[in-house]
Protein backbone atom coordinates (compact mmCIF):
# COMPACT_ATOMS: atom_id res chain seq x y z
CA MET A 1 -15.37 -67.52 26.78
CA SER A 2 -16.22 -69.16 23.44
CA GLU A 3 -19.80 -69.27 22.12
CA GLU A 4 -19.91 -72.99 22.81
CA GLY A 5 -18.66 -72.49 26.36
CA LEU A 6 -21.23 -69.73 26.93
CA GLN A 7 -24.06 -71.95 25.72
CA ARG A 8 -22.94 -74.85 27.87
CA SER A 9 -22.74 -72.55 30.88
CA ALA A 10 -26.26 -71.32 30.15
CA ILE A 11 -27.53 -74.93 30.03
CA LEU A 12 -25.86 -75.67 33.33
CA MET A 13 -27.31 -72.59 35.02
CA LEU A 14 -30.81 -73.36 33.77
CA SER A 15 -30.43 -76.93 34.98
CA LEU A 16 -29.59 -75.90 38.53
CA GLY A 17 -32.14 -74.92 41.11
CA GLN A 18 -32.82 -71.20 41.48
CA ASP A 19 -31.03 -70.94 44.82
CA GLU A 20 -27.90 -72.68 43.51
CA ALA A 21 -27.86 -70.67 40.29
CA SER A 22 -28.21 -67.39 42.18
CA GLU A 23 -25.18 -68.32 44.30
CA VAL A 24 -23.14 -68.79 41.12
CA PHE A 25 -24.19 -65.38 39.81
CA LYS A 26 -22.87 -63.73 42.98
CA PHE A 27 -19.32 -64.66 41.96
CA LEU A 28 -19.56 -63.17 38.45
CA GLY A 29 -18.73 -59.66 37.32
CA PRO A 30 -21.15 -57.35 35.46
CA LYS A 31 -20.03 -58.38 31.97
CA GLU A 32 -20.12 -62.08 32.85
CA VAL A 33 -23.63 -61.75 34.29
CA HIS A 34 -24.77 -59.92 31.18
CA LYS A 35 -23.28 -62.40 28.72
CA LEU A 36 -24.44 -65.45 30.63
CA GLY A 37 -27.86 -63.97 31.33
CA ALA A 38 -28.34 -63.11 27.66
CA ALA A 39 -27.32 -66.65 26.67
CA MET A 40 -29.81 -68.08 29.16
CA ALA A 41 -32.59 -65.84 27.86
CA GLN A 42 -31.94 -66.93 24.27
CA LEU A 43 -31.71 -70.63 25.04
CA GLY A 44 -34.70 -72.81 24.11
CA ASN A 45 -35.39 -76.45 24.94
CA VAL A 46 -32.26 -78.60 25.10
CA GLY A 47 -32.14 -82.34 24.57
CA ARG A 48 -31.48 -84.72 27.44
CA GLU A 49 -28.19 -85.98 26.01
CA GLU A 50 -26.75 -82.49 25.74
CA ILE A 51 -27.90 -81.61 29.24
CA GLU A 52 -26.39 -84.81 30.64
CA GLU A 53 -23.13 -84.14 28.85
CA VAL A 54 -22.92 -80.66 30.35
CA LEU A 55 -23.84 -81.89 33.81
CA ASN A 56 -21.36 -84.73 33.64
CA ASP A 57 -18.65 -82.31 32.60
CA PHE A 58 -19.37 -80.29 35.72
CA ARG A 59 -19.72 -83.48 37.76
CA LEU A 60 -23.37 -82.91 38.51
CA GLU A 61 -26.21 -85.42 38.38
CA SER A 62 -28.91 -85.25 35.69
CA VAL A 63 -32.34 -86.81 35.89
CA GLY A 64 -34.68 -87.03 32.90
CA ARG A 65 -35.40 -84.26 30.42
CA ILE A 66 -35.28 -80.75 31.82
CA SER A 67 -37.57 -78.12 30.29
CA LEU A 68 -35.92 -74.77 29.67
CA ALA A 69 -38.92 -73.12 28.06
CA ASP A 70 -39.69 -70.64 30.85
CA SER A 71 -36.17 -69.26 31.01
CA ASP A 72 -37.25 -65.58 31.17
CA GLU A 73 -39.07 -65.90 34.50
CA TYR A 74 -36.37 -68.21 35.83
CA LEU A 75 -33.73 -65.62 34.90
CA ARG A 76 -35.63 -62.82 36.63
CA THR A 77 -35.92 -64.83 39.84
CA VAL A 78 -32.30 -65.97 39.86
CA LEU A 79 -30.88 -62.50 39.19
CA ARG A 80 -33.05 -60.93 41.90
CA LYS A 81 -31.90 -63.54 44.40
CA ALA A 82 -28.27 -63.14 43.40
CA LEU A 83 -28.04 -59.36 43.05
CA GLY A 84 -31.03 -57.95 44.92
CA ASP A 85 -33.97 -56.12 43.37
CA ASP A 86 -32.14 -52.85 42.65
CA LYS A 87 -29.09 -54.27 40.86
CA ALA A 88 -31.11 -56.92 39.05
CA ALA A 89 -33.50 -54.26 37.75
CA HIS A 90 -30.60 -52.62 35.90
CA ILE A 91 -29.97 -55.64 33.73
CA ILE A 92 -33.13 -57.78 33.55
CA GLU A 93 -34.96 -55.51 31.13
CA ARG A 94 -31.75 -54.91 29.15
CA ILE A 95 -31.27 -58.63 28.65
CA LEU A 96 -34.93 -59.19 27.86
CA GLN A 97 -35.03 -56.25 25.42
CA GLY A 98 -36.45 -53.73 27.84
CA GLU A 99 -35.26 -50.26 28.78
CA ASP A 100 -31.99 -49.43 30.47
CA ASN A 101 -31.93 -47.75 33.84
CA ALA A 102 -29.96 -44.67 34.80
CA GLY A 103 -27.08 -44.63 37.25
CA ILE A 104 -23.54 -45.89 36.98
CA GLU A 105 -24.62 -49.51 37.42
CA GLY A 106 -27.13 -49.09 34.62
CA LEU A 107 -24.47 -47.52 32.37
CA LYS A 108 -22.36 -50.67 32.69
CA TRP A 109 -25.11 -52.63 30.94
CA MET A 110 -25.77 -50.10 28.18
CA ASP A 111 -24.09 -50.08 24.78
CA ALA A 112 -21.42 -47.43 24.25
CA SER A 113 -23.45 -45.25 21.87
CA SER A 114 -26.32 -45.02 24.38
CA VAL A 115 -23.95 -44.08 27.20
CA ALA A 116 -22.34 -41.42 25.01
CA GLU A 117 -25.74 -39.99 24.09
CA MET A 118 -26.76 -39.83 27.76
CA ILE A 119 -23.66 -38.02 29.05
CA ARG A 120 -22.27 -36.06 26.07
CA ASN A 121 -23.89 -32.77 27.17
CA GLU A 122 -22.58 -32.91 30.73
CA HIS A 123 -19.53 -30.96 31.87
CA PRO A 124 -16.29 -32.67 30.69
CA GLN A 125 -15.18 -33.13 34.31
CA ILE A 126 -18.43 -34.96 35.08
CA ILE A 127 -17.99 -37.12 31.97
CA ALA A 128 -14.43 -37.95 33.03
CA THR A 129 -15.63 -38.91 36.50
CA ILE A 130 -18.29 -41.19 35.02
CA LEU A 131 -15.94 -42.89 32.58
CA VAL A 132 -13.33 -43.84 35.18
CA HIS A 133 -16.03 -45.92 36.89
CA LEU A 134 -16.70 -47.96 33.72
CA ASP A 135 -14.59 -50.84 32.42
CA ARG A 136 -11.69 -49.49 30.39
CA ASP A 137 -12.75 -51.04 27.09
CA HIS A 138 -16.33 -49.80 27.60
CA ALA A 139 -15.09 -46.28 28.37
CA GLY A 140 -12.82 -46.37 25.33
CA GLU A 141 -15.79 -47.23 23.11
CA VAL A 142 -17.89 -44.43 24.63
CA LEU A 143 -15.15 -41.88 23.94
CA GLN A 144 -15.21 -42.73 20.24
CA PHE A 145 -18.77 -41.39 19.96
CA PHE A 146 -17.75 -37.89 21.18
CA THR A 147 -16.56 -35.04 19.00
CA GLU A 148 -12.80 -34.77 18.72
CA ARG A 149 -12.74 -31.63 20.86
CA LEU A 150 -14.81 -33.17 23.66
CA ARG A 151 -12.90 -36.46 23.51
CA ASN A 152 -9.54 -34.71 23.86
CA ASP A 153 -10.79 -32.53 26.71
CA VAL A 154 -12.21 -35.50 28.62
CA MET A 155 -9.08 -37.60 28.15
CA MET A 156 -6.89 -34.81 29.52
CA ARG A 157 -9.13 -34.60 32.59
CA ILE A 158 -9.01 -38.38 33.06
CA ALA A 159 -5.22 -38.40 32.81
CA THR A 160 -4.93 -35.74 35.52
CA LEU A 161 -7.72 -37.07 37.76
CA GLU A 162 -6.14 -38.36 40.96
CA GLY A 163 -9.35 -39.34 42.71
CA VAL A 164 -12.99 -38.43 43.12
CA GLN A 165 -13.75 -36.36 46.19
CA PRO A 166 -17.12 -36.63 48.02
CA ILE A 167 -18.31 -33.33 46.55
CA ALA A 168 -17.68 -34.70 43.05
CA LEU A 169 -19.61 -37.84 43.89
CA ARG A 170 -22.56 -35.77 45.10
CA GLU A 171 -22.46 -33.77 41.87
CA LEU A 172 -22.39 -37.00 39.92
CA ASN A 173 -25.42 -38.23 41.83
CA ASP A 174 -27.25 -35.13 40.60
CA VAL A 175 -26.51 -36.22 37.04
CA LEU A 176 -27.17 -39.94 37.45
CA THR A 177 -29.78 -41.62 39.64
CA GLN A 178 -27.14 -43.84 41.19
CA LEU A 179 -23.32 -43.87 41.15
CA LEU A 180 -22.08 -46.54 43.47
CA SER A 181 -23.35 -48.22 46.59
CA GLY A 182 -21.68 -46.34 49.40
CA SER A 183 -21.35 -43.08 47.45
CA GLU A 184 -21.70 -41.11 50.69
CA ARG A 185 -18.37 -42.41 51.94
CA THR A 186 -15.93 -39.70 52.99
CA LYS A 187 -12.98 -41.51 51.45
CA LYS A 188 -12.34 -40.49 47.87
CA SER A 189 -12.86 -43.01 45.08
CA SER A 190 -9.86 -43.89 42.91
CA GLY A 191 -9.97 -44.66 39.22
CA GLY A 192 -8.49 -41.79 37.25
CA GLY A 193 -4.91 -40.98 36.36
CA VAL A 194 -2.38 -41.72 33.66
CA LYS A 195 -2.92 -45.50 33.74
CA ALA A 196 -6.70 -45.12 33.33
CA ALA A 197 -6.18 -42.81 30.37
CA ALA A 198 -3.66 -45.19 28.79
CA ASP A 199 -6.00 -48.18 29.21
CA MET A 200 -8.87 -46.32 27.54
CA LEU A 201 -6.66 -45.19 24.66
CA ASN A 202 -5.64 -48.79 24.08
CA PHE A 203 -9.25 -49.55 23.14
CA MET A 204 -9.73 -46.60 20.79
CA ALA A 205 -9.20 -46.52 17.03
CA GLY A 206 -5.68 -45.61 15.91
CA THR A 207 -6.53 -42.23 14.37
CA MET A 208 -8.53 -41.16 17.44
CA GLU A 209 -5.74 -42.32 19.74
CA ALA A 210 -3.20 -40.25 17.83
CA SER A 211 -5.45 -37.18 17.96
CA VAL A 212 -5.99 -37.48 21.70
CA LEU A 213 -2.28 -37.91 22.42
CA ALA A 214 -1.40 -34.97 20.18
CA SER A 215 -3.92 -32.76 21.99
CA ILE A 216 -2.65 -33.79 25.43
CA ARG A 217 0.97 -33.30 24.30
CA GLU A 218 0.17 -29.68 23.35
CA GLN A 219 -1.18 -29.04 26.84
CA ASP A 220 1.29 -31.11 28.85
CA PRO A 221 4.10 -33.04 27.10
CA ASP A 222 5.05 -34.79 30.33
CA ILE A 223 1.55 -36.21 30.86
CA ALA A 224 1.42 -37.33 27.21
CA GLN A 225 4.73 -39.18 27.57
CA LYS A 226 3.60 -40.83 30.80
CA ILE A 227 0.44 -42.04 29.07
CA GLN A 228 2.44 -43.47 26.16
CA ASP A 229 4.77 -45.22 28.58
CA GLN A 230 1.79 -46.92 30.23
CA MET A 231 0.15 -48.10 27.01
CA PHE A 232 0.50 -51.75 26.08
CA THR A 233 0.26 -52.20 22.33
CA PHE A 234 0.31 -55.18 20.04
CA ASP A 235 4.02 -54.73 19.37
CA ASN A 236 4.60 -55.04 23.13
CA LEU A 237 3.77 -58.74 22.80
CA LEU A 238 7.48 -59.03 22.08
CA ASP A 239 8.06 -58.17 25.75
CA LEU A 240 6.04 -61.16 26.98
CA ASP A 241 7.87 -64.35 27.90
CA ASP A 242 7.25 -67.58 26.01
CA ARG A 243 4.91 -68.99 28.65
CA ALA A 244 2.71 -65.88 28.42
CA ILE A 245 2.57 -66.13 24.63
CA GLN A 246 1.56 -69.79 24.89
CA LEU A 247 -1.22 -68.94 27.36
CA LEU A 248 -2.42 -66.20 25.04
CA LEU A 249 -2.46 -68.45 21.97
CA ARG A 250 -4.78 -70.87 23.77
CA GLU A 251 -7.33 -68.08 24.12
CA VAL A 252 -7.18 -66.64 20.58
CA GLN A 253 -9.01 -67.94 17.51
CA SER A 254 -6.74 -68.63 14.53
CA GLU A 255 -8.70 -66.37 12.15
CA SER A 256 -8.34 -63.46 14.56
CA LEU A 257 -4.60 -64.10 14.89
CA ILE A 258 -4.13 -64.23 11.12
CA VAL A 259 -5.69 -60.78 10.64
CA ALA A 260 -3.92 -59.30 13.69
CA LEU A 261 -0.49 -60.40 12.43
CA LYS A 262 -0.93 -58.63 9.10
CA GLY A 263 1.55 -55.78 8.86
CA THR A 264 3.40 -56.71 12.06
CA SER A 265 7.15 -57.13 12.22
CA GLN A 266 8.78 -60.41 11.27
CA GLU A 267 10.30 -60.45 14.74
CA LEU A 268 6.86 -60.56 16.35
CA ARG A 269 5.64 -63.19 13.90
CA ASP A 270 8.68 -65.34 14.66
CA LYS A 271 7.96 -65.07 18.37
CA ILE A 272 4.43 -66.30 17.77
CA PHE A 273 5.60 -69.12 15.48
CA LYS A 274 8.21 -70.20 18.04
CA ASN A 275 5.53 -70.77 20.66
CA MET A 276 3.38 -73.00 18.45
CA SER A 277 3.83 -76.56 17.36
CA SER A 278 5.72 -76.86 14.07
CA ARG A 279 2.57 -78.06 12.32
CA ALA A 280 0.47 -75.18 13.68
CA ALA A 281 3.19 -72.66 12.82
CA GLU A 282 3.40 -73.90 9.22
CA ALA A 283 -0.38 -73.75 8.90
CA LEU A 284 -0.42 -70.19 10.24
CA LYS A 285 2.31 -69.12 7.80
CA GLU A 286 0.33 -70.58 4.90
CA ASP A 287 -2.85 -68.86 6.07
CA LEU A 288 -1.04 -65.53 6.34
CA GLU A 289 0.21 -65.90 2.77
CA ALA A 290 -3.23 -66.87 1.48
CA LYS A 291 -5.10 -64.12 3.31
CA GLY A 292 -3.94 -61.30 1.08
CA PRO A 293 -4.25 -57.57 1.85
CA VAL A 294 -6.46 -56.60 4.79
CA ARG A 295 -7.83 -53.19 5.75
CA LEU A 296 -5.86 -51.50 8.49
CA SER A 297 -9.06 -50.93 10.49
CA GLU A 298 -9.68 -54.70 10.52
CA VAL A 299 -6.12 -55.37 11.66
CA GLU A 300 -6.43 -52.81 14.47
CA SER A 301 -9.79 -54.24 15.53
CA GLU A 302 -8.46 -57.79 15.84
CA GLN A 303 -5.31 -56.60 17.60
CA LYS A 304 -7.41 -54.76 20.17
CA GLU A 305 -9.52 -57.88 20.76
CA ILE A 306 -6.36 -59.88 21.41
CA LEU A 307 -5.07 -57.14 23.72
CA LYS A 308 -8.30 -57.50 25.73
CA VAL A 309 -7.33 -61.12 26.30
CA VAL A 310 -3.81 -60.06 27.30
CA ARG A 311 -5.17 -57.64 29.89
CA ARG A 312 -7.61 -60.19 31.25
CA LEU A 313 -4.81 -62.72 31.71
CA ALA A 314 -2.72 -60.02 33.38
CA ASP A 315 -5.60 -59.05 35.68
CA GLU A 316 -6.01 -62.71 36.61
CA GLY A 317 -2.32 -62.90 37.44
CA GLN A 318 -1.60 -65.53 34.79
CA ILE A 319 0.87 -63.34 32.90
CA VAL A 320 3.01 -60.30 33.67
CA LEU A 321 3.06 -57.41 31.22
CA GLY A 322 6.35 -55.92 30.08
CA GLY A 323 6.74 -52.16 29.29
CA LYS A 324 1.38 -47.88 19.69
CA GLY A 325 2.99 -46.07 19.00
CA GLY A 326 -3.17 -44.95 11.37
CA GLU A 327 -5.03 -44.00 8.41
CA GLU A 328 -7.26 -46.42 6.59
CA GLY A 329 -5.35 -48.50 4.08
CA LEU A 330 -4.23 -51.98 3.15
CA VAL A 331 -1.44 -53.90 4.81
CA GLU A 332 0.36 -56.88 3.38
């Protein structure tokens, strides 16, 4: 969601009654709640015209000027109603600059460096079990804060983790104050495996990714190849059909696309150009020429951000994925 869209959503939520707003929160995922909650907490008074515009866009009725000054207390009440006291406690203080709580739900709201600091001294198998319960991009970021040796060890364990047995969940509960609601279930929890490892690697820096794959290949070449086969990289955009490319382009900012296309093949660039209007394609070509050399790390960073959009669209069923294979430098 764009910054403008996030702000408009925050205005709408603060304009609704607490009961209605809490119902909306129930349909959002952890990251959406965090982003929207943070936007609500940072929002000050908003003029009547802007509020009316937002409400009209959502076909709601607006009356008079609505004060948004006491958004902190409003946010606390709404989140507690939507998520219950326990879940809300994990994020309220985080959003309002308080302390994070332990447990797997709390980890989802913590920044990657804090999660890494909390779990780095645990057994690699415990770390692997924790990471498969986080979002893939979040887990990928956490892994980048480990030493190379620990990162490679954990990734190998993730790639060969077929499921989490009850005994592993109980051990995890000894490490964290809370894993998941229903952690006493007898049915094992899924989440590990080759696909999980591949998804996490997709969000890691190129040099780290290469190191992890090389380490896994030394231990088990077959597993390493399976991971590579599951990875969707920027070059794999060539495998997407035209409709998927068009959907993706609607979600990506032009400046991000310009940087991401630096150093890519002409074939991929042509595919992108083909799915734009002639005017937009010409403008993009001119911007690419004018941009000049860009650091490889910047290119990789923007490409990974675009790949996040690709995966979100795939998860939503809007597109179907086809099939990264770096040192710091400049690319033309």
